[in-house]
Amino acid sequence: MAKKQSFGEEAAQRKGTHRRMAKVIISTKTTRNKYAFKEAMVDQDSVQEFIKEKQS
């Protein structure tokens, strides 16, 4: 069975609220010469900006 599809302003508002997210894992070297990993959920459009911020 097909899902019921709604049209109009209400459907457009619901569709706009869904954001595409990406999980980004950043590694950092600790003082004990081991690596620590941190996870972050970021908007898919701003992944490259987030990585550049964390690298510097």
C-alpha atoms as a PDB file:
ATOM      1  CA  MET A   1       0.000   0.000   0.000  1.00  0.00           C
ATOM      2  CA  ALA A   2       1.129   3.494  -0.757  1.00  0.00           C
ATOM      3  CA  LYS A   3       1.472   6.106   1.957  1.00  0.00           C
ATOM      4  CA  LYS A   4      -0.954   8.974   1.964  1.00  0.00           C
ATOM      5  CA  GLN A   5       0.724  12.099   0.724  1.00  0.00           C
ATOM      6  CA  SER A   6      -0.354  15.533   1.862  1.00  0.00           C
ATOM      7  CA  PHE A   7      -0.016  18.688  -0.176  1.00  0.00           C
ATOM      8  CA  GLY A   8      -0.093  22.378   0.567  1.00  0.00           C
ATOM      9  CA  GLU A   9       1.458  24.650   3.153  1.00  0.00           C
ATOM     10  CA  GLU A  10       1.309  22.111   5.980  1.00  0.00           C
ATOM     11  CA  ALA A  11       3.286  19.535   3.999  1.00  0.00           C
ATOM     12  CA  ALA A  12       5.850  22.136   2.975  1.00  0.00           C
ATOM     13  CA  GLN A  13       6.375  23.135   6.613  1.00  0.00           C
ATOM     14  CA  ARG A  14       6.885  19.536   7.722  1.00  0.00           C
ATOM     15  CA  LYS A  15       9.325  18.876   4.902  1.00  0.00           C
ATOM     16  CA  GLY A  16      11.321  21.984   5.783  1.00  0.00           C
ATOM     17  CA  THR A  17      11.799  20.879   9.380  1.00  0.00           C
ATOM     18  CA  HIS A  18      13.707  17.721   8.410  1.00  0.00           C
ATOM     19  CA  ARG A  19      17.399  18.526   8.304  1.00  0.00           C
ATOM     20  CA  ARG A  20      19.969  16.214   6.825  1.00  0.00           C
ATOM     21  CA  MET A  21      22.617  15.541   9.458  1.00  0.00           C
ATOM     22  CA  ALA A  22      26.067  13.977   9.302  1.00  0.00           C
ATOM     23  CA  LYS A  23      28.062  12.308  12.065  1.00  0.00           C
ATOM     24  CA  VAL A  24      31.598  13.696  12.199  1.00  0.00           C
ATOM     25  CA  ILE A  25      34.340  11.984  14.184  1.00  0.00           C
ATOM     26  CA  ILE A  26      37.349  14.119  15.116  1.00  0.00           C
ATOM     27  CA  SER A  27      40.535  12.577  16.504  1.00  0.00           C
ATOM     28  CA  THR A  28      42.912  14.421  18.822  1.00  0.00           C
ATOM     29  CA  LYS A  29      46.224  13.295  20.248  1.00  0.00           C
ATOM     30  CA  THR A  30      46.313  13.257  24.059  1.00  0.00           C
ATOM     31  CA  THR A  31      49.246  14.020  26.327  1.00  0.00           C
ATOM     32  CA  ARG A  32      49.937  10.296  26.751  1.00  0.00           C
ATOM     33  CA  ASN A  33      50.519   9.871  22.984  1.00  0.00           C
ATOM     34  CA  LYS A  34      47.174   8.161  22.521  1.00  0.00           C
ATOM     35  CA  TYR A  35      44.256   9.266  20.405  1.00  0.00           C
ATOM     36  CA  ALA A  36      40.878  10.428  21.674  1.00  0.00           C
ATOM     37  CA  PHE A  37      37.844  10.529  19.412  1.00  0.00           C
ATOM     38  CA  LYS A  38      34.907  12.916  19.647  1.00  0.00           C
ATOM     39  CA  GLU A  39      31.652  12.566  17.756  1.00  0.00           C
ATOM     40  CA  ALA A  40      29.431  15.438  16.672  1.00  0.00           C
ATOM     41  CA  MET A  41      26.216  15.676  14.706  1.00  0.00           C
ATOM     42  CA  VAL A  42      26.433  18.523  12.183  1.00  0.00           C
ATOM     43  CA  ASP A  43      24.233  19.788   9.363  1.00  0.00           C
ATOM     44  CA  GLN A  44      25.271  18.125   6.146  1.00  0.00           C
ATOM     45  CA  ASP A  45      25.884  21.484   4.468  1.00  0.00           C
ATOM     46  CA  SER A  46      28.386  22.679   7.083  1.00  0.00           C
ATOM     47  CA  VAL A  47      30.557  19.565   7.518  1.00  0.00           C
ATOM     48  CA  GLN A  48      33.643  20.968   5.774  1.00  0.00           C
ATOM     49  CA  GLU A  49      33.491  24.188   7.810  1.00  0.00           C
ATOM     50  CA  PHE A  50      33.235  22.189  11.051  1.00  0.00           C
ATOM     51  CA  ILE A  51      36.262  20.068  10.155  1.00  0.00           C
ATOM     52  CA  LYS A  52      38.345  23.124   9.273  1.00  0.00           C
ATOM     53  CA  GLU A  53      37.465  24.755  12.615  1.00  0.00           C
ATOM     54  CA  LYS A  54      38.491  21.678  14.583  1.00  0.00           C
ATOM     55  CA  GLN A  55      41.777  21.171  12.712  1.00  0.00           C
ATOM     56  CA  SER A  56      43.133  24.612  13.536  1.00  0.00           C
END
